[in-house]
Amino acid sequence: MINFESLTGEKTDQQLWQRIRAGDEQAFTNIFERYHRTLYNYGSKLSTNSAIIEDAVQDVFIDVWRLRNNLTENVTSVKFYLYRALRRRIHLAQDKFPITEEITSLGDQEIPSNLSNSETILIDDESSSMRARRIQEMLSQLPDRQMEALTLRYFDDFSIEEIADIMGVSEKSVRNFIYKALTSLRQNRQTLIISTLILCLLFIF
């Protein structure tokens, strides 16, 4: 019989989950590597304290390994399980410790003083970078729950039902959060377009 798992070389989350329950350390490492970064990114939407986020992510994985014998056997979505666990961890940590440390971010690259023959490419690159920063700014200005619901829906691909479970609210509340967030972003869309045009004009003249 052909073993399709051996042909692909990559196991599903559910397969890795079952192996973790059986004490397979490599399976645990695979899940950690698969979700550590995405969990941290999600945590950054819930807290600006990088120490709290990192500790919470580590604690989630520590609990998975420590309690492996008692893990739910037929978990539908490992990603959903981890996100919900992380949200609880961060909220518990924020109740205990004040938020003082801001998440560090990479500084913007310097714009070269002389534009070469690739100036069109540079303009496109800077325009894209500016748009990305502007979008991040607009998202950061949303109320916390609106930003979280929007992130879970459109960046992490969770269903409305799953988001409601993760956030501990009703599905109607989730839809309201997303609707209000999208309405706010649409209102800022014209500002984003104007800012991009201004940047291009600065390069041209």
N, C-alpha and C. Protein backbone atom coordinates (compact mmCIF):
# COMPACT_ATOMS: atom_id res chain seq x y z
N MET A 1 0.85 -1.21 0.00
CA MET A 1 0.00 0.00 0.00
C MET A 1 0.88 1.25 0.00
N ILE A 2 0.49 2.25 -0.79
CA ILE A 2 1.26 3.49 -0.86
C ILE A 2 0.98 4.33 0.38
N ASN A 3 2.02 4.78 1.02
CA ASN A 3 1.89 5.65 2.20
C ASN A 3 1.99 7.10 1.73
N PHE A 4 0.85 7.76 1.58
CA PHE A 4 0.83 9.12 1.06
C PHE A 4 1.52 10.09 2.01
N GLU A 5 1.47 9.80 3.31
CA GLU A 5 2.14 10.66 4.28
C GLU A 5 3.64 10.70 4.04
N SER A 6 4.22 9.53 3.72
CA SER A 6 5.66 9.47 3.48
C SER A 6 6.02 10.16 2.17
N LEU A 7 5.09 10.17 1.21
CA LEU A 7 5.36 10.83 -0.07
C LEU A 7 5.39 12.34 0.08
N THR A 8 4.43 12.90 0.81
CA THR A 8 4.38 14.35 0.99
C THR A 8 5.43 14.83 1.97
N GLY A 9 5.73 14.02 2.97
CA GLY A 9 6.74 14.39 3.95
C GLY A 9 6.26 15.40 4.97
N GLU A 10 5.04 15.85 4.86
CA GLU A 10 4.52 16.84 5.81
C GLU A 10 3.22 16.33 6.42
N LYS A 11 3.18 16.31 7.72
CA LYS A 11 2.01 15.78 8.43
C LYS A 11 1.01 16.90 8.70
N THR A 12 -0.24 16.54 8.77
CA THR A 12 -1.29 17.50 9.10
C THR A 12 -1.22 17.86 10.58
N ASP A 13 -1.89 18.95 10.93
CA ASP A 13 -1.95 19.35 12.34
C ASP A 13 -2.53 18.23 13.19
N GLN A 14 -3.57 17.59 12.68
CA GLN A 14 -4.24 16.54 13.45
C GLN A 14 -3.31 15.35 13.69
N GLN A 15 -2.53 15.00 12.67
CA GLN A 15 -1.57 13.90 12.82
C GLN A 15 -0.51 14.24 13.86
N LEU A 16 -0.01 15.47 13.79
CA LEU A 16 1.00 15.90 14.77
C LEU A 16 0.40 15.94 16.17
N TRP A 17 -0.85 16.36 16.26
CA TRP A 17 -1.54 16.44 17.55
C TRP A 17 -1.63 15.06 18.20
N GLN A 18 -2.00 14.08 17.40
CA GLN A 18 -2.09 12.72 17.92
C GLN A 18 -0.73 12.21 18.39
N ARG A 19 0.32 12.57 17.68
CA ARG A 19 1.66 12.14 18.07
C ARG A 19 2.13 12.86 19.33
N ILE A 20 1.73 14.11 19.48
CA ILE A 20 2.06 14.83 20.72
C ILE A 20 1.42 14.13 21.90
N ARG A 21 0.15 13.74 21.74
CA ARG A 21 -0.55 13.04 22.81
C ARG A 21 0.16 11.73 23.18
N ALA A 22 0.87 11.17 22.22
CA ALA A 22 1.60 9.92 22.46
C ALA A 22 3.02 10.17 22.97
N GLY A 23 3.38 11.47 23.12
CA GLY A 23 4.70 11.80 23.67
C GLY A 23 5.79 12.00 22.64
N ASP A 24 5.42 12.29 21.38
CA ASP A 24 6.39 12.48 20.31
C ASP A 24 6.95 13.91 20.37
N GLU A 25 8.22 14.05 20.76
CA GLU A 25 8.83 15.38 20.90
C GLU A 25 9.00 16.07 19.56
N GLN A 26 9.30 15.33 18.50
CA GLN A 26 9.47 15.93 17.19
C GLN A 26 8.16 16.53 16.68
N ALA A 27 7.06 15.85 16.95
CA ALA A 27 5.75 16.38 16.55
C ALA A 27 5.47 17.68 17.29
N PHE A 28 5.83 17.73 18.56
CA PHE A 28 5.65 18.96 19.34
C PHE A 28 6.50 20.08 18.75
N THR A 29 7.74 19.78 18.39
CA THR A 29 8.62 20.78 17.79
C THR A 29 8.04 21.29 16.48
N ASN A 30 7.47 20.40 15.68
CA ASN A 30 6.87 20.80 14.41
C ASN A 30 5.70 21.76 14.60
N ILE A 31 4.85 21.47 15.57
CA ILE A 31 3.72 22.36 15.86
C ILE A 31 4.22 23.71 16.37
N PHE A 32 5.23 23.67 17.22
CA PHE A 32 5.81 24.92 17.74
C PHE A 32 6.34 25.78 16.60
N GLU A 33 7.12 25.18 15.71
CA GLU A 33 7.70 25.93 14.59
C GLU A 33 6.63 26.42 13.63
N ARG A 34 5.56 25.67 13.50
CA ARG A 34 4.48 26.03 12.57
C ARG A 34 3.67 27.21 13.07
N TYR A 35 3.51 27.34 14.39
CA TYR A 35 2.57 28.35 14.91
C TYR A 35 3.16 29.40 15.84
N HIS A 36 4.43 29.28 16.19
CA HIS A 36 5.00 30.25 17.13
C HIS A 36 4.90 31.68 16.61
N ARG A 37 5.31 31.89 15.36
CA ARG A 37 5.30 33.25 14.81
C ARG A 37 3.89 33.79 14.64
N THR A 38 2.97 32.98 14.12
CA THR A 38 1.61 33.47 13.92
C THR A 38 0.91 33.76 15.24
N LEU A 39 1.22 32.97 16.26
CA LEU A 39 0.66 33.24 17.59
C LEU A 39 1.18 34.55 18.13
N TYR A 40 2.47 34.80 17.95
CA TYR A 40 3.04 36.06 18.43
C TYR A 40 2.39 37.24 17.71
N ASN A 41 2.21 37.11 16.39
CA ASN A 41 1.58 38.18 15.63
C ASN A 41 0.16 38.44 16.11
N TYR A 42 -0.57 37.38 16.42
CA TYR A 42 -1.93 37.55 16.95
C TYR A 42 -1.86 38.19 18.33
N GLY A 43 -0.91 37.77 19.15
CA GLY A 43 -0.77 38.35 20.48
C GLY A 43 -0.48 39.83 20.44
N SER A 44 0.23 40.28 19.40
CA SER A 44 0.55 41.71 19.29
C SER A 44 -0.69 42.56 19.04
N LYS A 45 -1.79 41.92 18.63
CA LYS A 45 -3.05 42.65 18.48
C LYS A 45 -3.79 42.78 19.81
N LEU A 46 -3.36 41.98 20.79
CA LEU A 46 -4.02 41.98 22.09
C LEU A 46 -3.24 42.74 23.15
N SER A 47 -1.94 42.91 22.94
CA SER A 47 -1.11 43.60 23.93
C SER A 47 0.06 44.26 23.23
N THR A 48 0.52 45.39 23.79
CA THR A 48 1.71 46.06 23.26
C THR A 48 2.95 45.68 24.04
N ASN A 49 2.79 44.82 25.02
CA ASN A 49 3.91 44.40 25.86
C ASN A 49 4.52 43.13 25.29
N SER A 50 5.70 43.26 24.68
CA SER A 50 6.31 42.11 24.00
C SER A 50 6.68 41.00 24.97
N ALA A 51 7.03 41.36 26.21
CA ALA A 51 7.40 40.34 27.20
C ALA A 51 6.18 39.49 27.57
N ILE A 52 5.04 40.15 27.75
CA ILE A 52 3.81 39.42 28.07
C ILE A 52 3.44 38.49 26.92
N ILE A 53 3.55 38.98 25.69
CA ILE A 53 3.19 38.17 24.52
C ILE A 53 4.08 36.94 24.43
N GLU A 54 5.39 37.16 24.51
CA GLU A 54 6.33 36.05 24.37
C GLU A 54 6.13 35.02 25.48
N ASP A 55 5.95 35.51 26.70
CA ASP A 55 5.73 34.59 27.83
C ASP A 55 4.45 33.79 27.63
N ALA A 56 3.41 34.47 27.16
CA ALA A 56 2.12 33.80 26.96
C ALA A 56 2.22 32.72 25.89
N VAL A 57 2.92 33.04 24.80
CA VAL A 57 3.10 32.05 23.72
C VAL A 57 3.87 30.84 24.25
N GLN A 58 4.95 31.11 24.99
CA GLN A 58 5.74 30.01 25.54
C GLN A 58 4.90 29.17 26.50
N ASP A 59 4.10 29.84 27.33
CA ASP A 59 3.27 29.12 28.30
C ASP A 59 2.24 28.23 27.62
N VAL A 60 1.70 28.70 26.50
CA VAL A 60 0.72 27.89 25.77
C VAL A 60 1.36 26.59 25.31
N PHE A 61 2.55 26.69 24.74
CA PHE A 61 3.22 25.48 24.27
C PHE A 61 3.70 24.59 25.41
N ILE A 62 4.13 25.22 26.50
CA ILE A 62 4.54 24.44 27.67
C ILE A 62 3.36 23.62 28.19
N ASP A 63 2.18 24.25 28.22
CA ASP A 63 0.98 23.55 28.68
C ASP A 63 0.60 22.40 27.74
N VAL A 64 0.77 22.64 26.43
CA VAL A 64 0.45 21.58 25.47
C VAL A 64 1.30 20.35 25.76
N TRP A 65 2.60 20.56 25.99
CA TRP A 65 3.47 19.41 26.25
C TRP A 65 3.24 18.83 27.64
N ARG A 66 3.09 19.71 28.62
CA ARG A 66 2.94 19.24 30.00
C ARG A 66 1.64 18.46 30.19
N LEU A 67 0.60 18.89 29.51
CA LEU A 67 -0.72 18.26 29.66
C LEU A 67 -1.06 17.37 28.46
N ARG A 68 -0.04 16.91 27.75
CA ARG A 68 -0.27 16.17 26.51
C ARG A 68 -1.15 14.94 26.68
N ASN A 69 -1.05 14.29 27.83
CA ASN A 69 -1.86 13.08 28.05
C ASN A 69 -3.34 13.38 28.20
N ASN A 70 -3.66 14.65 28.52
CA ASN A 70 -5.05 15.03 28.73
C ASN A 70 -5.60 15.91 27.61
N LEU A 71 -4.84 16.07 26.52
CA LEU A 71 -5.31 16.88 25.41
C LEU A 71 -6.53 16.24 24.75
N THR A 72 -7.41 17.11 24.23
CA THR A 72 -8.57 16.62 23.49
C THR A 72 -8.10 15.75 22.33
N GLU A 73 -8.67 14.57 22.22
CA GLU A 73 -8.17 13.61 21.23
C GLU A 73 -8.46 14.04 19.80
N ASN A 74 -9.69 14.39 19.52
CA ASN A 74 -10.08 14.72 18.15
C ASN A 74 -10.33 16.23 18.02
N VAL A 75 -9.26 17.00 18.16
CA VAL A 75 -9.38 18.45 18.04
C VAL A 75 -9.62 18.80 16.57
N THR A 76 -10.63 19.62 16.31
CA THR A 76 -10.99 19.98 14.94
C THR A 76 -9.94 20.87 14.30
N SER A 77 -9.45 21.87 15.07
CA SER A 77 -8.46 22.81 14.56
C SER A 77 -7.43 23.10 15.64
N VAL A 78 -6.20 22.70 15.40
CA VAL A 78 -5.12 22.98 16.35
C VAL A 78 -4.88 24.49 16.44
N LYS A 79 -4.95 25.15 15.31
CA LYS A 79 -4.75 26.60 15.28
C LYS A 79 -5.78 27.30 16.15
N PHE A 80 -7.03 26.92 16.04
CA PHE A 80 -8.10 27.49 16.86
C PHE A 80 -7.83 27.25 18.34
N TYR A 81 -7.44 26.04 18.68
CA TYR A 81 -7.14 25.67 20.06
C TYR A 81 -6.04 26.56 20.62
N LEU A 82 -4.97 26.78 19.84
CA LEU A 82 -3.83 27.57 20.30
C LEU A 82 -4.19 29.05 20.43
N TYR A 83 -4.95 29.58 19.49
CA TYR A 83 -5.34 30.99 19.54
C TYR A 83 -6.19 31.26 20.77
N ARG A 84 -7.14 30.40 21.03
CA ARG A 84 -8.02 30.59 22.18
C ARG A 84 -7.23 30.52 23.48
N ALA A 85 -6.29 29.57 23.55
CA ALA A 85 -5.47 29.43 24.75
C ALA A 85 -4.58 30.66 24.95
N LEU A 86 -4.03 31.19 23.85
CA LEU A 86 -3.17 32.37 23.95
C LEU A 86 -3.96 33.59 24.43
N ARG A 87 -5.16 33.76 23.92
CA ARG A 87 -5.97 34.90 24.32
C ARG A 87 -6.23 34.88 25.83
N ARG A 88 -6.55 33.71 26.36
CA ARG A 88 -6.78 33.59 27.80
C ARG A 88 -5.52 33.93 28.58
N ARG A 89 -4.38 33.43 28.11
CA ARG A 89 -3.10 33.67 28.78
C ARG A 89 -2.77 35.16 28.85
N ILE A 90 -2.93 35.84 27.72
CA ILE A 90 -2.58 37.27 27.67
C ILE A 90 -3.50 38.08 28.56
N HIS A 91 -4.77 37.78 28.55
CA HIS A 91 -5.70 38.52 29.40
C HIS A 91 -5.41 38.30 30.88
N LEU A 92 -5.03 37.09 31.25
CA LEU A 92 -4.67 36.83 32.63
C LEU A 92 -3.41 37.61 33.02
N ALA A 93 -2.44 37.65 32.11
CA ALA A 93 -1.19 38.37 32.38
C ALA A 93 -1.42 39.86 32.49
N GLN A 94 -2.28 40.41 31.65
CA GLN A 94 -2.55 41.85 31.68
C GLN A 94 -3.27 42.25 32.96
N ASP A 95 -4.03 41.35 33.53
CA ASP A 95 -4.70 41.65 34.79
C ASP A 95 -3.71 41.73 35.95
N LYS A 96 -2.57 41.05 35.80
CA LYS A 96 -1.59 40.99 36.89
C LYS A 96 -0.50 42.06 36.78
N PHE A 97 -0.14 42.40 35.53
CA PHE A 97 0.99 43.31 35.34
C PHE A 97 0.57 44.51 34.49
N PRO A 98 1.05 45.71 34.83
CA PRO A 98 0.76 46.90 34.00
C PRO A 98 1.51 46.81 32.69
N ILE A 99 0.94 47.42 31.67
CA ILE A 99 1.58 47.41 30.35
C ILE A 99 2.50 48.61 30.24
N THR A 100 3.81 48.33 30.15
CA THR A 100 4.77 49.43 30.10
C THR A 100 5.70 49.33 28.90
N GLU A 101 5.93 48.15 28.38
CA GLU A 101 6.91 47.96 27.31
C GLU A 101 6.22 47.92 25.96
N GLU A 102 6.65 48.78 25.06
CA GLU A 102 6.09 48.79 23.72
C GLU A 102 6.81 47.77 22.85
N ILE A 103 6.09 47.19 21.91
CA ILE A 103 6.69 46.25 20.98
C ILE A 103 7.66 47.01 20.08
N THR A 104 8.87 46.50 19.94
CA THR A 104 9.85 47.15 19.09
C THR A 104 9.57 46.81 17.64
N SER A 105 9.82 47.76 16.76
CA SER A 105 9.60 47.52 15.34
C SER A 105 10.83 47.96 14.58
N LEU A 106 11.02 47.42 13.39
CA LEU A 106 12.15 47.77 12.56
C LEU A 106 12.01 49.20 12.07
N GLY A 107 13.12 49.92 12.08
CA GLY A 107 13.09 51.30 11.60
C GLY A 107 12.91 51.35 10.10
N ASP A 108 12.42 52.48 9.60
CA ASP A 108 12.23 52.62 8.17
C ASP A 108 13.58 52.73 7.47
N GLN A 109 13.67 52.19 6.28
CA GLN A 109 14.90 52.32 5.51
C GLN A 109 15.05 53.75 5.02
N GLU A 110 16.29 54.20 4.98
CA GLU A 110 16.53 55.56 4.52
C GLU A 110 16.29 55.65 3.01
N ILE A 111 15.72 56.80 2.60
CA ILE A 111 15.50 57.01 1.16
C ILE A 111 16.80 57.53 0.56
N PRO A 112 17.34 56.91 -0.49
CA PRO A 112 18.60 57.36 -1.08
C PRO A 112 18.50 58.79 -1.58
N SER A 113 19.60 59.55 -1.42
CA SER A 113 19.60 60.96 -1.82
C SER A 113 19.58 61.10 -3.34
N ASN A 114 20.20 60.16 -4.04
CA ASN A 114 20.23 60.21 -5.50
C ASN A 114 19.41 59.07 -6.10
N LEU A 115 18.50 59.46 -6.97
CA LEU A 115 17.69 58.45 -7.64
C LEU A 115 18.38 58.03 -8.93
N SER A 116 18.59 56.75 -9.10
CA SER A 116 19.27 56.23 -10.28
C SER A 116 18.26 55.96 -11.37
N ASN A 117 18.66 55.14 -12.34
CA ASN A 117 17.76 54.75 -13.42
C ASN A 117 16.60 53.92 -12.91
N SER A 118 16.72 53.45 -11.67
CA SER A 118 15.67 52.61 -11.10
C SER A 118 14.69 53.44 -10.28
N GLU A 119 14.61 54.74 -10.58
CA GLU A 119 13.80 55.60 -9.74
C GLU A 119 12.33 55.20 -9.76
N THR A 120 11.85 54.68 -10.86
CA THR A 120 10.45 54.23 -10.92
C THR A 120 10.21 53.09 -9.95
N ILE A 121 11.18 52.16 -9.90
CA ILE A 121 11.06 51.03 -8.98
C ILE A 121 11.10 51.53 -7.55
N LEU A 122 11.99 52.50 -7.29
CA LEU A 122 12.10 53.05 -5.93
C LEU A 122 10.79 53.72 -5.52
N ILE A 123 10.20 54.44 -6.44
CA ILE A 123 8.94 55.11 -6.14
C ILE A 123 7.87 54.08 -5.81
N ASP A 124 7.83 53.00 -6.61
CA ASP A 124 6.86 51.95 -6.35
C ASP A 124 7.10 51.30 -5.00
N ASP A 125 8.38 51.03 -4.70
CA ASP A 125 8.71 50.40 -3.43
C ASP A 125 8.33 51.28 -2.25
N GLU A 126 8.69 52.59 -2.36
CA GLU A 126 8.38 53.50 -1.27
C GLU A 126 6.87 53.70 -1.13
N SER A 127 6.18 53.70 -2.27
CA SER A 127 4.73 53.86 -2.21
C SER A 127 4.11 52.66 -1.51
N SER A 128 4.59 51.45 -1.83
CA SER A 128 4.07 50.25 -1.20
C SER A 128 4.37 50.25 0.29
N SER A 129 5.59 50.67 0.63
CA SER A 129 5.98 50.73 2.04
C SER A 129 5.12 51.73 2.79
N MET A 130 4.88 52.89 2.16
CA MET A 130 4.06 53.91 2.79
C MET A 130 2.64 53.43 2.97
N ARG A 131 2.11 52.74 1.94
CA ARG A 131 0.75 52.22 2.04
C ARG A 131 0.64 51.21 3.17
N ALA A 132 1.65 50.33 3.27
CA ALA A 132 1.64 49.32 4.32
C ALA A 132 1.66 49.98 5.69
N ARG A 133 2.51 50.99 5.84
CA ARG A 133 2.57 51.70 7.13
C ARG A 133 1.24 52.38 7.44
N ARG A 134 0.66 52.98 6.41
CA ARG A 134 -0.60 53.70 6.61
C ARG A 134 -1.71 52.73 7.01
N ILE A 135 -1.74 51.56 6.36
CA ILE A 135 -2.74 50.56 6.70
C ILE A 135 -2.56 50.11 8.15
N GLN A 136 -1.29 49.88 8.54
CA GLN A 136 -1.03 49.49 9.92
C GLN A 136 -1.48 50.58 10.89
N GLU A 137 -1.25 51.84 10.52
CA GLU A 137 -1.69 52.96 11.36
C GLU A 137 -3.20 52.98 11.50
N MET A 138 -3.89 52.77 10.37
CA MET A 138 -5.36 52.78 10.41
C MET A 138 -5.89 51.64 11.27
N LEU A 139 -5.25 50.45 11.15
CA LEU A 139 -5.68 49.32 11.97
C LEU A 139 -5.44 49.58 13.45
N SER A 140 -4.30 50.20 13.75
CA SER A 140 -3.96 50.45 15.16
C SER A 140 -4.90 51.47 15.79
N GLN A 141 -5.57 52.27 14.96
CA GLN A 141 -6.48 53.28 15.49
C GLN A 141 -7.87 52.71 15.77
N LEU A 142 -8.11 51.49 15.31
CA LEU A 142 -9.41 50.86 15.57
C LEU A 142 -9.50 50.46 17.05
N PRO A 143 -10.69 50.42 17.61
CA PRO A 143 -10.85 49.87 18.96
C PRO A 143 -10.32 48.45 19.01
N ASP A 144 -9.82 48.04 20.16
CA ASP A 144 -9.13 46.75 20.29
C ASP A 144 -9.94 45.57 19.75
N ARG A 145 -11.22 45.51 20.11
CA ARG A 145 -12.01 44.35 19.71
C ARG A 145 -12.31 44.35 18.22
N GLN A 146 -12.46 45.53 17.64
CA GLN A 146 -12.67 45.61 16.19
C GLN A 146 -11.43 45.12 15.45
N MET A 147 -10.26 45.56 15.90
CA MET A 147 -9.01 45.14 15.25
C MET A 147 -8.80 43.64 15.41
N GLU A 148 -9.11 43.11 16.60
CA GLU A 148 -8.92 41.68 16.84
C GLU A 148 -9.85 40.85 15.94
N ALA A 149 -11.11 41.23 15.89
CA ALA A 149 -12.07 40.50 15.07
C ALA A 149 -11.69 40.55 13.59
N LEU A 150 -11.27 41.72 13.13
CA LEU A 150 -10.88 41.88 11.73
C LEU A 150 -9.64 41.03 11.41
N THR A 151 -8.68 41.02 12.32
CA THR A 151 -7.46 40.23 12.13
C THR A 151 -7.78 38.74 12.07
N LEU A 152 -8.59 38.27 12.99
CA LEU A 152 -8.94 36.86 13.03
C LEU A 152 -9.70 36.43 11.77
N ARG A 153 -10.53 37.32 11.26
CA ARG A 153 -11.36 36.97 10.10
C ARG A 153 -10.58 37.00 8.80
N TYR A 154 -9.84 38.09 8.54
CA TYR A 154 -9.25 38.28 7.22
C TYR A 154 -7.77 37.95 7.13
N PHE A 155 -7.09 37.87 8.26
CA PHE A 155 -5.67 37.52 8.23
C PHE A 155 -5.43 36.08 8.71
N ASP A 156 -6.27 35.61 9.61
CA ASP A 156 -6.09 34.26 10.16
C ASP A 156 -7.14 33.27 9.68
N ASP A 157 -8.11 33.75 8.89
CA ASP A 157 -9.09 32.88 8.22
C ASP A 157 -9.98 32.08 9.16
N PHE A 158 -10.31 32.64 10.31
CA PHE A 158 -11.26 31.97 11.19
C PHE A 158 -12.68 32.33 10.79
N SER A 159 -13.61 31.42 11.05
CA SER A 159 -15.02 31.69 10.77
C SER A 159 -15.60 32.59 11.86
N ILE A 160 -16.78 33.15 11.58
CA ILE A 160 -17.44 34.00 12.57
C ILE A 160 -17.69 33.21 13.86
N GLU A 161 -18.11 31.98 13.70
CA GLU A 161 -18.38 31.13 14.87
C GLU A 161 -17.10 30.91 15.70
N GLU A 162 -16.00 30.63 15.02
CA GLU A 162 -14.74 30.41 15.73
C GLU A 162 -14.26 31.68 16.42
N ILE A 163 -14.40 32.82 15.74
CA ILE A 163 -13.98 34.10 16.34
C ILE A 163 -14.79 34.38 17.60
N ALA A 164 -16.09 34.12 17.53
CA ALA A 164 -16.95 34.33 18.69
C ALA A 164 -16.49 33.48 19.87
N ASP A 165 -16.09 32.26 19.57
CA ASP A 165 -15.61 31.35 20.63
C ASP A 165 -14.28 31.83 21.19
N ILE A 166 -13.37 32.25 20.31
CA ILE A 166 -12.06 32.73 20.75
C ILE A 166 -12.21 33.99 21.62
N MET A 167 -13.05 34.92 21.18
CA MET A 167 -13.19 36.20 21.88
C MET A 167 -14.16 36.13 23.05
N GLY A 168 -14.94 35.06 23.11
CA GLY A 168 -15.89 34.92 24.21
C GLY A 168 -17.08 35.85 24.10
N VAL A 169 -17.53 36.10 22.85
CA VAL A 169 -18.68 36.96 22.62
C VAL A 169 -19.64 36.25 21.67
N SER A 170 -20.78 36.87 21.40
CA SER A 170 -21.75 36.27 20.48
C SER A 170 -21.32 36.50 19.04
N GLU A 171 -21.88 35.68 18.13
CA GLU A 171 -21.58 35.85 16.71
C GLU A 171 -22.08 37.21 16.21
N LYS A 172 -23.19 37.68 16.75
CA LYS A 172 -23.71 39.00 16.37
C LYS A 172 -22.72 40.09 16.73
N SER A 173 -22.09 39.96 17.89
CA SER A 173 -21.09 40.95 18.32
C SER A 173 -19.90 40.94 17.37
N VAL A 174 -19.47 39.75 16.96
CA VAL A 174 -18.34 39.64 16.04
C VAL A 174 -18.67 40.35 14.73
N ARG A 175 -19.87 40.09 14.20
CA ARG A 175 -20.27 40.74 12.94
C ARG A 175 -20.31 42.26 13.10
N ASN A 176 -20.76 42.72 14.25
CA ASN A 176 -20.80 44.16 14.50
C ASN A 176 -19.39 44.75 14.55
N PHE A 177 -18.46 44.04 15.22
CA PHE A 177 -17.07 44.50 15.30
C PHE A 177 -16.49 44.65 13.90
N ILE A 178 -16.69 43.61 13.07
CA ILE A 178 -16.12 43.61 11.73
C ILE A 178 -16.76 44.69 10.86
N TYR A 179 -18.07 44.83 10.95
CA TYR A 179 -18.77 45.84 10.16
C TYR A 179 -18.28 47.25 10.50
N LYS A 180 -18.17 47.53 11.79
CA LYS A 180 -17.72 48.86 12.23
C LYS A 180 -16.28 49.11 11.83
N ALA A 181 -15.44 48.06 11.91
CA ALA A 181 -14.04 48.21 11.52
C ALA A 181 -13.91 48.50 10.03
N LEU A 182 -14.63 47.75 9.20
CA LEU A 182 -14.58 47.96 7.76
C LEU A 182 -15.13 49.33 7.39
N THR A 183 -16.17 49.77 8.07
CA THR A 183 -16.73 51.10 7.81
C THR A 183 -15.70 52.18 8.11
N SER A 184 -14.99 52.03 9.21
CA SER A 184 -13.96 53.00 9.60
C SER A 184 -12.82 53.00 8.59
N LEU A 185 -12.41 51.83 8.13
CA LEU A 185 -11.31 51.74 7.17
C LEU A 185 -11.70 52.35 5.83
N ARG A 186 -12.95 52.15 5.43
CA ARG A 186 -13.41 52.72 4.16
C ARG A 186 -13.38 54.26 4.23
N GLN A 187 -13.70 54.81 5.38
CA GLN A 187 -13.70 56.26 5.55
C GLN A 187 -12.29 56.83 5.44
N ASN A 188 -11.28 56.01 5.77
CA ASN A 188 -9.89 56.45 5.70
C ASN A 188 -9.23 56.11 4.36
N ARG A 189 -9.97 55.44 3.50
CA ARG A 189 -9.39 54.99 2.24
C ARG A 189 -8.95 56.16 1.37
N GLN A 190 -9.76 57.20 1.30
CA GLN A 190 -9.43 58.35 0.47
C GLN A 190 -8.15 59.02 0.95
N THR A 191 -7.96 59.08 2.26
CA THR A 191 -6.75 59.67 2.82
C THR A 191 -5.52 58.88 2.38
N LEU A 192 -5.63 57.55 2.34
CA LEU A 192 -4.53 56.69 1.93
C LEU A 192 -4.16 56.97 0.47
N ILE A 193 -5.15 57.11 -0.39
CA ILE A 193 -4.90 57.36 -1.82
C ILE A 193 -4.21 58.71 -2.00
N ILE A 194 -4.68 59.73 -1.30
CA ILE A 194 -4.10 61.07 -1.42
C ILE A 194 -2.65 61.07 -0.95
N SER A 195 -2.38 60.37 0.16
CA SER A 195 -1.01 60.31 0.69
C SER A 195 -0.06 59.67 -0.31
N THR A 196 -0.52 58.63 -0.99
CA THR A 196 0.31 57.95 -1.99
C THR A 196 0.63 58.88 -3.15
N LEU A 197 -0.35 59.64 -3.61
CA LEU A 197 -0.14 60.57 -4.71
C LEU A 197 0.86 61.66 -4.33
N ILE A 198 0.76 62.15 -3.09
CA ILE A 198 1.68 63.19 -2.63
C ILE A 198 3.11 62.67 -2.64
N LEU A 199 3.31 61.45 -2.16
CA LEU A 199 4.65 60.86 -2.13
C LEU A 199 5.23 60.76 -3.54
N CYS A 200 4.42 60.31 -4.49
CA CYS A 200 4.88 60.17 -5.88
C CYS A 200 5.27 61.53 -6.45
N LEU A 201 4.49 62.56 -6.15
CA LEU A 201 4.78 63.90 -6.66
C LEU A 201 6.08 64.44 -6.09
N LEU A 202 6.37 64.13 -4.85
CA LEU A 202 7.61 64.57 -4.22
C LEU A 202 8.82 63.97 -4.94
N PHE A 203 8.72 62.74 -5.39
CA PHE A 203 9.81 62.09 -6.10
C PHE A 203 9.98 62.67 -7.51
N ILE A 204 8.85 63.04 -8.13
CA ILE A 204 8.89 63.48 -9.52
C ILE A 204 9.42 64.91 -9.64
N PHE A 205 9.02 65.78 -8.67
CA PHE A 205 9.38 67.20 -8.80
C PHE A 205 10.50 67.54 -7.88
